C-alpha atoms as a PDB file:
ATOM      1  CA  MET A   1     106.260 110.825 -23.103  1.00  0.00           C
ATOM      2  CA  LYS A   2     103.374 112.139 -21.020  1.00  0.00           C
ATOM      3  CA  LYS A   3     102.506 109.977 -18.039  1.00  0.00           C
ATOM      4  CA  GLU A   4      98.912 108.742 -18.243  1.00  0.00           C
ATOM      5  CA  ILE A   5      98.764 106.797 -14.975  1.00  0.00           C
ATOM      6  CA  LEU A   6      98.619 108.513 -11.589  1.00  0.00           C
ATOM      7  CA  LYS A   7      99.826 106.604  -8.538  1.00  0.00           C
ATOM      8  CA  ILE A   8      98.498 107.723  -5.150  1.00  0.00           C
ATOM      9  CA  LEU A   9      99.397 106.349  -1.730  1.00  0.00           C
ATOM     10  CA  PHE A  10      96.889 106.966   1.050  1.00  0.00           C
ATOM     11  CA  ILE A  11      98.190 106.344   4.583  1.00  0.00           C
ATOM     12  CA  GLY A  12      95.811 105.282   7.367  1.00  0.00           C
ATOM     13  CA  ASP A  13      95.325 107.152  10.661  1.00  0.00           C
ATOM     14  CA  ILE A  14      98.766 108.035  12.042  1.00  0.00           C
ATOM     15  CA  VAL A  15      98.723 107.397  15.814  1.00  0.00           C
ATOM     16  CA  GLY A  16     101.206 109.276  18.005  1.00  0.00           C
ATOM     17  CA  ARG A  17     104.984 109.047  17.897  1.00  0.00           C
ATOM     18  CA  PRO A  18     105.021 105.324  17.002  1.00  0.00           C
ATOM     19  CA  GLY A  19     102.876 106.054  13.954  1.00  0.00           C
ATOM     20  CA  ARG A  20     105.021 108.999  12.895  1.00  0.00           C
ATOM     21  CA  ASN A  21     108.173 106.902  13.263  1.00  0.00           C
ATOM     22  CA  ALA A  22     106.603 104.137  11.169  1.00  0.00           C
ATOM     23  CA  VAL A  23     105.861 106.626   8.403  1.00  0.00           C
ATOM     24  CA  LYS A  24     109.420 107.935   8.442  1.00  0.00           C
ATOM     25  CA  ALA A  25     110.788 104.375   8.296  1.00  0.00           C
ATOM     26  CA  ILE A  26     108.598 103.037   5.481  1.00  0.00           C
ATOM     27  CA  LEU A  27     107.426 105.917   3.289  1.00  0.00           C
ATOM     28  CA  PRO A  28     110.749 106.739   1.548  1.00  0.00           C
ATOM     29  CA  LYS A  29     111.152 103.093   0.523  1.00  0.00           C
ATOM     30  CA  ILE A  30     107.622 102.826  -0.891  1.00  0.00           C
ATOM     31  CA  LYS A  31     107.873 106.128  -2.753  1.00  0.00           C
ATOM     32  CA  SER A  32     111.096 105.012  -4.395  1.00  0.00           C
ATOM     33  CA  ARG A  33     109.916 101.478  -5.153  1.00  0.00           C
ATOM     34  CA  GLU A  34     106.459 102.325  -6.494  1.00  0.00           C
ATOM     35  CA  LYS A  35     107.206 105.675  -8.175  1.00  0.00           C
ATOM     36  CA  ILE A  36     104.328 107.345  -6.334  1.00  0.00           C
ATOM     37  CA  ASP A  37     103.048 110.722  -7.535  1.00  0.00           C
ATOM     38  CA  PHE A  38     101.141 111.881  -4.433  1.00  0.00           C
ATOM     39  CA  VAL A  39     100.993 110.825  -0.796  1.00  0.00           C
ATOM     40  CA  PHE A  40      98.000 111.633   1.420  1.00  0.00           C
ATOM     41  CA  ALA A  41      97.452 110.658   5.070  1.00  0.00           C
ATOM     42  CA  ASN A  42      94.929 110.973   7.877  1.00  0.00           C
ATOM     43  CA  CYS A  43      96.471 113.045  10.683  1.00  0.00           C
ATOM     44  CA  GLU A  44      93.693 113.360  13.294  1.00  0.00           C
ATOM     45  CA  ASN A  45      95.453 111.093  15.830  1.00  0.00           C
ATOM     46  CA  MET A  46      98.979 112.152  14.969  1.00  0.00           C
ATOM     47  CA  SER A  47      99.876 114.000  18.180  1.00  0.00           C
ATOM     48  CA  ALA A  48      99.820 111.822  21.322  1.00  0.00           C
ATOM     49  CA  GLY A  49      96.959 109.825  19.819  1.00  0.00           C
ATOM     50  CA  SER A  50      94.365 112.599  19.614  1.00  0.00           C
ATOM     51  CA  GLY A  51      94.471 115.681  17.406  1.00  0.00           C
ATOM     52  CA  VAL A  52      97.451 117.216  15.636  1.00  0.00           C
ATOM     53  CA  THR A  53      99.969 119.898  16.554  1.00  0.00           C
ATOM     54  CA  PHE A  54     101.579 122.187  14.017  1.00  0.00           C
ATOM     55  CA  GLU A  55     105.006 120.817  14.944  1.00  0.00           C
ATOM     56  CA  ASN A  56     103.969 117.243  14.165  1.00  0.00           C
ATOM     57  CA  TYR A  57     102.261 118.383  10.961  1.00  0.00           C
ATOM     58  CA  GLN A  58     105.544 119.920   9.803  1.00  0.00           C
ATOM     59  CA  GLU A  59     107.423 116.761  10.821  1.00  0.00           C
ATOM     60  CA  MET A  60     105.212 114.584   8.632  1.00  0.00           C
ATOM     61  CA  LEU A  61     105.184 117.097   5.781  1.00  0.00           C
ATOM     62  CA  GLU A  62     108.973 116.858   5.728  1.00  0.00           C
ATOM     63  CA  SER A  63     108.728 113.049   5.719  1.00  0.00           C
ATOM     64  CA  GLY A  64     107.129 113.154   2.267  1.00  0.00           C
ATOM     65  CA  ILE A  65     103.359 113.471   2.792  1.00  0.00           C
ATOM     66  CA  ASP A  66     101.767 115.965   0.398  1.00  0.00           C
ATOM     67  CA  TYR A  67      98.407 116.618   2.080  1.00  0.00           C
ATOM     68  CA  PHE A  68      96.486 115.544   5.187  1.00  0.00           C
ATOM     69  CA  THR A  69      92.890 114.643   5.934  1.00  0.00           C
ATOM     70  CA  SER A  70      91.382 114.372   9.410  1.00  0.00           C
ATOM     71  CA  GLY A  71      88.132 113.570  11.215  1.00  0.00           C
ATOM     72  CA  ASN A  72      86.260 114.017  14.472  1.00  0.00           C
ATOM     73  CA  HIS A  73      89.456 114.647  16.497  1.00  0.00           C
ATOM     74  CA  ILE A  74      90.713 117.517  14.346  1.00  0.00           C
ATOM     75  CA  TRP A  75      89.876 120.093  17.063  1.00  0.00           C
ATOM     76  CA  ASP A  76      91.417 118.158  19.997  1.00  0.00           C
ATOM     77  CA  LYS A  77      94.668 120.135  19.937  1.00  0.00           C
ATOM     78  CA  ARG A  78      93.300 123.660  19.945  1.00  0.00           C
ATOM     79  CA  GLU A  79      96.545 125.196  18.690  1.00  0.00           C
ATOM     80  CA  ILE A  80      95.871 123.806  15.201  1.00  0.00           C
ATOM     81  CA  ILE A  81      92.656 125.825  14.804  1.00  0.00           C
ATOM     82  CA  GLU A  82      94.443 129.076  14.010  1.00  0.00           C
ATOM     83  CA  HIS A  83      96.747 127.293  11.577  1.00  0.00           C
ATOM     84  CA  LEU A  84      93.790 125.796   9.694  1.00  0.00           C
ATOM     85  CA  LYS A  85      92.790 129.331   8.725  1.00  0.00           C
ATOM     86  CA  ALA A  86      96.028 129.740   6.776  1.00  0.00           C
ATOM     87  CA  LYS A  87      95.749 128.936   3.068  1.00  0.00           C
ATOM     88  CA  ASP A  88      99.173 127.302   2.914  1.00  0.00           C
ATOM     89  CA  VAL A  89      98.488 124.691   5.634  1.00  0.00           C
ATOM     90  CA  LYS A  90      97.807 121.362   3.964  1.00  0.00           C
ATOM     91  CA  ILE A  91      95.306 119.891   6.422  1.00  0.00           C
ATOM     92  CA  LEU A  92      91.629 119.295   5.656  1.00  0.00           C
ATOM     93  CA  ARG A  93      88.824 119.167   8.180  1.00  0.00           C
ATOM     94  CA  PRO A  94      85.581 117.321   7.266  1.00  0.00           C
ATOM     95  CA  ALA A  95      83.708 119.188   4.530  1.00  0.00           C
ATOM     96  CA  ASN A  96      80.283 118.431   6.014  1.00  0.00           C
ATOM     97  CA  TYR A  97      80.672 120.404   9.228  1.00  0.00           C
ATOM     98  CA  PRO A  98      77.527 122.567   9.165  1.00  0.00           C
ATOM     99  CA  TYR A  99      78.894 125.966  10.121  1.00  0.00           C
ATOM    100  CA  ASP A 100      81.791 128.179   9.136  1.00  0.00           C
ATOM    101  CA  GLU A 101      84.461 126.186  10.952  1.00  0.00           C
ATOM    102  CA  PRO A 102      88.115 127.070  10.279  1.00  0.00           C
ATOM    103  CA  GLY A 103      89.804 125.385   7.368  1.00  0.00           C
ATOM    104  CA  ASP A 104      88.630 123.668   4.199  1.00  0.00           C
ATOM    105  CA  GLY A 105      87.048 120.302   3.486  1.00  0.00           C
ATOM    106  CA  THR A 106      88.352 120.074  -0.075  1.00  0.00           C
ATOM    107  CA  ALA A 107      91.669 120.959  -1.683  1.00  0.00           C
ATOM    108  CA  LYS A 108      92.497 121.183  -5.366  1.00  0.00           C
ATOM    109  CA  ILE A 109      95.997 119.830  -5.909  1.00  0.00           C
ATOM    110  CA  GLU A 110      97.994 120.780  -9.018  1.00  0.00           C
ATOM    111  CA  ASN A 111      94.708 121.543 -10.770  1.00  0.00           C
ATOM    112  CA  GLN A 112      93.981 117.848 -11.337  1.00  0.00           C
ATOM    113  CA  ILE A 113      93.099 116.226  -7.991  1.00  0.00           C
ATOM    114  CA  CYS A 114      90.299 117.181  -5.621  1.00  0.00           C
ATOM    115  CA  LEU A 115      91.103 115.709  -2.210  1.00  0.00           C
ATOM    116  CA  SER A 116      88.067 115.774   0.109  1.00  0.00           C
ATOM    117  CA  ASN A 117      87.346 114.803   3.697  1.00  0.00           C
ATOM    118  CA  LEU A 118      83.916 113.685   4.949  1.00  0.00           C
ATOM    119  CA  LEU A 119      82.636 112.643   8.367  1.00  0.00           C
ATOM    120  CA  GLY A 120      80.085 109.866   8.814  1.00  0.00           C
ATOM    121  CA  ARG A 121      76.921 110.225  10.895  1.00  0.00           C
ATOM    122  CA  VAL A 122      76.200 106.649  12.031  1.00  0.00           C
ATOM    123  CA  PHE A 123      77.597 106.184  15.589  1.00  0.00           C
ATOM    124  CA  MET A 124      79.392 109.513  15.081  1.00  0.00           C
ATOM    125  CA  PRO A 125      78.651 113.154  15.998  1.00  0.00           C
ATOM    126  CA  SER A 126      75.188 113.809  14.565  1.00  0.00           C
ATOM    127  CA  LEU A 127      75.688 117.559  14.121  1.00  0.00           C
ATOM    128  CA  VAL A 128      77.367 117.186  10.725  1.00  0.00           C
ATOM    129  CA  ASN A 129      75.535 117.590   7.431  1.00  0.00           C
ATOM    130  CA  ASP A 130      74.649 114.667   5.169  1.00  0.00           C
ATOM    131  CA  PRO A 131      77.949 113.306   3.798  1.00  0.00           C
ATOM    132  CA  PHE A 132      76.206 111.904   0.710  1.00  0.00           C
ATOM    133  CA  LYS A 133      74.778 115.265  -0.339  1.00  0.00           C
ATOM    134  CA  THR A 134      78.005 117.058   0.555  1.00  0.00           C
ATOM    135  CA  ALA A 135      80.013 114.624  -1.555  1.00  0.00           C
ATOM    136  CA  GLU A 136      77.643 115.048  -4.489  1.00  0.00           C
ATOM    137  CA  GLU A 137      77.969 118.842  -4.279  1.00  0.00           C
ATOM    138  CA  ILE A 138      81.767 118.601  -4.242  1.00  0.00           C
ATOM    139  CA  VAL A 139      81.816 116.320  -7.283  1.00  0.00           C
ATOM    140  CA  ASN A 140      79.318 118.454  -9.213  1.00  0.00           C
ATOM    141  CA  ASP A 141      81.187 121.669  -8.406  1.00  0.00           C
ATOM    142  CA  ASN A 142      84.483 120.198  -9.665  1.00  0.00           C
ATOM    143  CA  PRO A 143      83.561 118.162 -12.775  1.00  0.00           C
ATOM    144  CA  ASN A 144      87.049 118.149 -14.282  1.00  0.00           C
ATOM    145  CA  CYS A 145      88.778 116.880 -11.147  1.00  0.00           C
ATOM    146  CA  LEU A 146      89.987 113.442 -10.249  1.00  0.00           C
ATOM    147  CA  HIS A 147      88.247 112.991  -6.878  1.00  0.00           C
ATOM    148  CA  ILE A 148      89.934 111.316  -3.896  1.00  0.00           C
ATOM    149  CA  ILE A 149      87.787 111.063  -0.751  1.00  0.00           C
ATOM    150  CA  ASP A 150      88.622 110.164   2.840  1.00  0.00           C
ATOM    151  CA  PHE A 151      85.366 109.051   4.466  1.00  0.00           C
ATOM    152  CA  HIS A 152      86.018 109.122   8.210  1.00  0.00           C
ATOM    153  CA  ALA A 153      83.206 106.960   9.538  1.00  0.00           C
ATOM    154  CA  GLU A 154      82.379 104.215  12.036  1.00  0.00           C
ATOM    155  CA  ALA A 155      79.748 102.109  10.271  1.00  0.00           C
ATOM    156  CA  THR A 156      80.896  99.829   7.467  1.00  0.00           C
ATOM    157  CA  SER A 157      77.435  99.994   5.913  1.00  0.00           C
ATOM    158  CA  GLU A 158      77.617 103.788   5.644  1.00  0.00           C
ATOM    159  CA  LYS A 159      81.052 103.576   4.037  1.00  0.00           C
ATOM    160  CA  ILE A 160      80.041 100.958   1.468  1.00  0.00           C
ATOM    161  CA  ALA A 161      76.838 102.839   0.653  1.00  0.00           C
ATOM    162  CA  LEU A 162      78.820 106.016  -0.078  1.00  0.00           C
ATOM    163  CA  GLY A 163      81.184 103.973  -2.225  1.00  0.00           C
ATOM    164  CA  PHE A 164      78.360 102.772  -4.461  1.00  0.00           C
ATOM    165  CA  TYR A 165      76.687 106.188  -4.393  1.00  0.00           C
ATOM    166  CA  LEU A 166      79.841 107.769  -5.832  1.00  0.00           C
ATOM    167  CA  ASP A 167      80.921 104.838  -8.010  1.00  0.00           C
ATOM    168  CA  GLY A 168      82.117 106.280 -11.296  1.00  0.00           C
ATOM    169  CA  LYS A 169      82.096 109.836  -9.911  1.00  0.00           C
ATOM    170  CA  ALA A 170      85.058 109.534  -7.548  1.00  0.00           C
ATOM    171  CA  SER A 171      88.343 107.880  -8.484  1.00  0.00           C
ATOM    172  CA  ALA A 172      88.975 106.522  -4.978  1.00  0.00           C
ATOM    173  CA  ILE A 173      87.193 106.383  -1.631  1.00  0.00           C
ATOM    174  CA  PHE A 174      89.272 105.512   1.423  1.00  0.00           C
ATOM    175  CA  GLY A 175      87.529 104.663   4.688  1.00  0.00           C
ATOM    176  CA  THR A 176      89.277 105.747   7.881  1.00  0.00           C
ATOM    177  CA  HIS A 177      88.554 106.009  11.638  1.00  0.00           C
ATOM    178  CA  THR A 178      88.357 102.386  12.857  1.00  0.00           C
ATOM    179  CA  HIS A 179      92.166 101.824  12.656  1.00  0.00           C
ATOM    180  CA  ILE A 180      91.746  98.188  11.540  1.00  0.00           C
ATOM    181  CA  GLN A 181      92.699  97.526   7.932  1.00  0.00           C
ATOM    182  CA  THR A 182      89.900  95.738   6.083  1.00  0.00           C
ATOM    183  CA  ALA A 183      90.406  93.145   3.342  1.00  0.00           C
ATOM    184  CA  ASP A 184      87.651  94.398   1.019  1.00  0.00           C
ATOM    185  CA  GLU A 185      89.704  96.581  -1.311  1.00  0.00           C
ATOM    186  CA  ARG A 186      88.385  96.473  -4.873  1.00  0.00           C
ATOM    187  CA  ILE A 187      87.414  98.432  -7.950  1.00  0.00           C
ATOM    188  CA  LEU A 188      83.652  99.037  -7.918  1.00  0.00           C
ATOM    189  CA  PRO A 189      81.665  98.342 -11.137  1.00  0.00           C
ATOM    190  CA  ASN A 190      81.971 101.872 -12.530  1.00  0.00           C
ATOM    191  CA  GLY A 191      85.648 102.375 -11.772  1.00  0.00           C
ATOM    192  CA  THR A 192      85.968 103.719  -8.221  1.00  0.00           C
ATOM    193  CA  ALA A 193      88.684 102.229  -5.984  1.00  0.00           C
ATOM    194  CA  TYR A 194      87.225 101.443  -2.564  1.00  0.00           C
ATOM    195  CA  ILE A 195      88.271 100.112   0.865  1.00  0.00           C
ATOM    196  CA  SER A 196      86.225 100.262   4.069  1.00  0.00           C
ATOM    197  CA  ASP A 197      89.226 101.141   6.240  1.00  0.00           C
ATOM    198  CA  VAL A 198      92.835 101.804   5.315  1.00  0.00           C
ATOM    199  CA  GLY A 199      93.977 100.943   8.853  1.00  0.00           C
ATOM    200  CA  MET A 200      96.516 102.845  10.941  1.00  0.00           C
ATOM    201  CA  CYS A 201     100.159 103.612  11.443  1.00  0.00           C
ATOM    202  CA  GLY A 202     100.725 102.845  15.096  1.00  0.00           C
ATOM    203  CA  PRO A 203     101.648 100.224  17.717  1.00  0.00           C
ATOM    204  CA  ILE A 204     100.470  96.736  16.778  1.00  0.00           C
ATOM    205  CA  ASN A 205     100.068  95.464  20.376  1.00  0.00           C
ATOM    206  CA  SER A 206      97.422  98.003  21.299  1.00  0.00           C
ATOM    207  CA  VAL A 207      93.714  98.716  21.141  1.00  0.00           C
ATOM    208  CA  LEU A 208      93.504 101.045  18.155  1.00  0.00           C
ATOM    209  CA  GLY A 209      96.847 102.532  19.176  1.00  0.00           C
ATOM    210  CA  VAL A 210      96.146 102.895  22.909  1.00  0.00           C
ATOM    211  CA  ALA A 211      97.854 100.772  25.608  1.00  0.00           C
ATOM    212  CA  THR A 212      95.829  97.568  26.059  1.00  0.00           C
ATOM    213  CA  ASP A 213      95.610  97.587  29.872  1.00  0.00           C
ATOM    214  CA  ILE A 214      93.988 101.024  29.844  1.00  0.00           C
ATOM    215  CA  ILE A 215      91.236 100.016  27.435  1.00  0.00           C
ATOM    216  CA  ILE A 216      90.619  96.661  29.135  1.00  0.00           C
ATOM    217  CA  LYS A 217      90.233  98.437  32.484  1.00  0.00           C
ATOM    218  CA  SER A 218      87.783 100.847  30.897  1.00  0.00           C
ATOM    219  CA  PHE A 219      85.642  97.972  29.630  1.00  0.00           C
ATOM    220  CA  LEU A 220      85.803  96.115  32.947  1.00  0.00           C
ATOM    221  CA  THR A 221      84.939  99.079  35.145  1.00  0.00           C
ATOM    222  CA  GLY A 222      82.935 101.364  32.890  1.00  0.00           C
ATOM    223  CA  MET A 223      84.992 104.241  34.258  1.00  0.00           C
ATOM    224  CA  PRO A 224      86.852 106.779  32.086  1.00  0.00           C
ATOM    225  CA  GLN A 225      90.602 106.283  31.856  1.00  0.00           C
ATOM    226  CA  SER A 226      93.483 108.543  30.859  1.00  0.00           C
ATOM    227  CA  HIS A 227      94.617 107.137  27.524  1.00  0.00           C
ATOM    228  CA  LYS A 228      98.235 106.571  26.572  1.00  0.00           C
ATOM    229  CA  VAL A 229      99.631 105.595  23.198  1.00  0.00           C
ATOM    230  CA  ALA A 230     101.095 102.081  23.340  1.00  0.00           C
ATOM    231  CA  VAL A 231     104.750 101.295  22.600  1.00  0.00           C
ATOM    232  CA  GLY A 232     106.621  98.567  20.766  1.00  0.00           C
ATOM    233  CA  ASP A 233     106.494  97.358  17.170  1.00  0.00           C
ATOM    234  CA  SER A 234     104.223  99.311  14.839  1.00  0.00           C
ATOM    235  CA  LEU A 235     102.151  98.764  11.727  1.00  0.00           C
ATOM    236  CA  PHE A 236     102.346 100.865   8.603  1.00  0.00           C
ATOM    237  CA  ASN A 237      98.963 100.623   6.859  1.00  0.00           C
ATOM    238  CA  ALA A 238      98.219 102.314   3.561  1.00  0.00           C
ATOM    239  CA  CYS A 239      96.590 101.784   0.163  1.00  0.00           C
ATOM    240  CA  LEU A 240      98.207 102.279  -3.219  1.00  0.00           C
ATOM    241  CA  VAL A 241      95.884 103.197  -6.092  1.00  0.00           C
ATOM    242  CA  SER A 242      96.647 103.564  -9.797  1.00  0.00           C
ATOM    243  CA  ILE A 243      94.296 105.829 -11.748  1.00  0.00           C
ATOM    244  CA  ASP A 244      93.891 106.502 -15.464  1.00  0.00           C
ATOM    245  CA  LYS A 245      94.260 110.290 -15.752  1.00  0.00           C
ATOM    246  CA  LYS A 246      92.163 110.447 -18.922  1.00  0.00           C
ATOM    247  CA  THR A 247      89.138 108.425 -17.757  1.00  0.00           C
ATOM    248  CA  LYS A 248      89.605 109.249 -14.042  1.00  0.00           C
ATOM    249  CA  LYS A 249      88.844 105.597 -13.259  1.00  0.00           C
ATOM    250  CA  ALA A 250      90.927 103.433 -10.957  1.00  0.00           C
ATOM    251  CA  LEU A 251      92.974 100.657 -12.537  1.00  0.00           C
ATOM    252  CA  SER A 252      94.164  98.948  -9.353  1.00  0.00           C
ATOM    253  CA  ILE A 253      94.108  99.151  -5.572  1.00  0.00           C
ATOM    254  CA  LYS A 254      96.590  97.390  -3.296  1.00  0.00           C
ATOM    255  CA  ARG A 255      96.796  97.274   0.497  1.00  0.00           C
ATOM    256  CA  VAL A 256     100.103  97.983   2.231  1.00  0.00           C
ATOM    257  CA  ASN A 257     100.629  96.331   5.618  1.00  0.00           C
ATOM    258  CA  GLU A 258     104.200  96.452   6.924  1.00  0.00           C
ATOM    259  CA  LEU A 259     105.683  95.896  10.372  1.00  0.00           C
ATOM    260  CA  VAL A 260     108.159  98.406  11.800  1.00  0.00           C
ATOM    261  CA  LYS A 261     110.342  97.139  14.639  1.00  0.00           C
ATOM    262  CA  ALA A 262     110.571  99.467  17.633  1.00  0.00           C
ATOM    263  CA  ASN A 263     113.898 101.038  18.534  1.00  0.00           C
ATOM    264  CA  SER A 264     112.946 101.260  22.197  1.00  0.00           C
ATOM    265  CA  PRO A 265     110.348  99.621  24.471  1.00  0.00           C
ATOM    266  CA  GLU A 266     109.751 102.958  26.209  1.00  0.00           C
ATOM    267  CA  GLY A 267     108.429 106.373  25.321  1.00  0.00           C
ATOM    268  CA  GLY A 268     104.638 106.154  25.188  1.00  0.00           C
ATOM    269  CA  GLU A 269     102.685 109.363  24.867  1.00  0.00           C
ATOM    270  CA  LYS A 270      99.817 110.445  27.097  1.00  0.00           C
ATOM    271  CA  VAL A 271      96.646 111.525  25.317  1.00  0.00           C
ATOM    272  CA  GLU A 272      95.537 114.835  26.779  1.00  0.00           C
END
């Protein structure tokens, strides 16, 4: 019997080694329990909290993630730039970068899913093109696809506005970037699954994954600090969406928020 329901797990921003370890601890259990078809994740903070190395990309690919999105930190580890030019590397950079940057902003997966990555403009780098128009172009150019979009943006209003703008055109829109899982997951009126932020995979006792004392000192002094990924217990944040393959509309969206106990209190990573 042909399967008519597609189950997709989208994992929030993976932060450093603690985030990668959380993925390796939780993902196999969820895939087995929920019978997930595809797993996507945001990787822009995956290596020492900022950017992604090819080694860490391969590590997470082997853990069971099928494709990766990113955001404004995609260029922070310069070694990945050459790899993004390769057609077999499964990492997206935001589609609305205005020039001919390396890599792709959209990937067609098994000829049925269009996974896309967009960068917001409110409180974010203003050099990018309009994410609304870029999203509309992607949807119009791929009318037979089931569209999954990672909108990497700061402002909740911008994220919600894009959700309604694409309601009924995209199957799911996942907000990323702020690392705090929001409780507004729902199916929009015309069938698009939406959440303002999926959250993160990273240390729970931190400021968005970074050691708390570093960020507090930065706020108190106004001086730049060398960031370091925090240690200790970690969160695994993700969203599970079920989609009707025939109508391309979402049937359900569920947040995943699990705690992963740390094996060691040491081993934080410095952000270069």
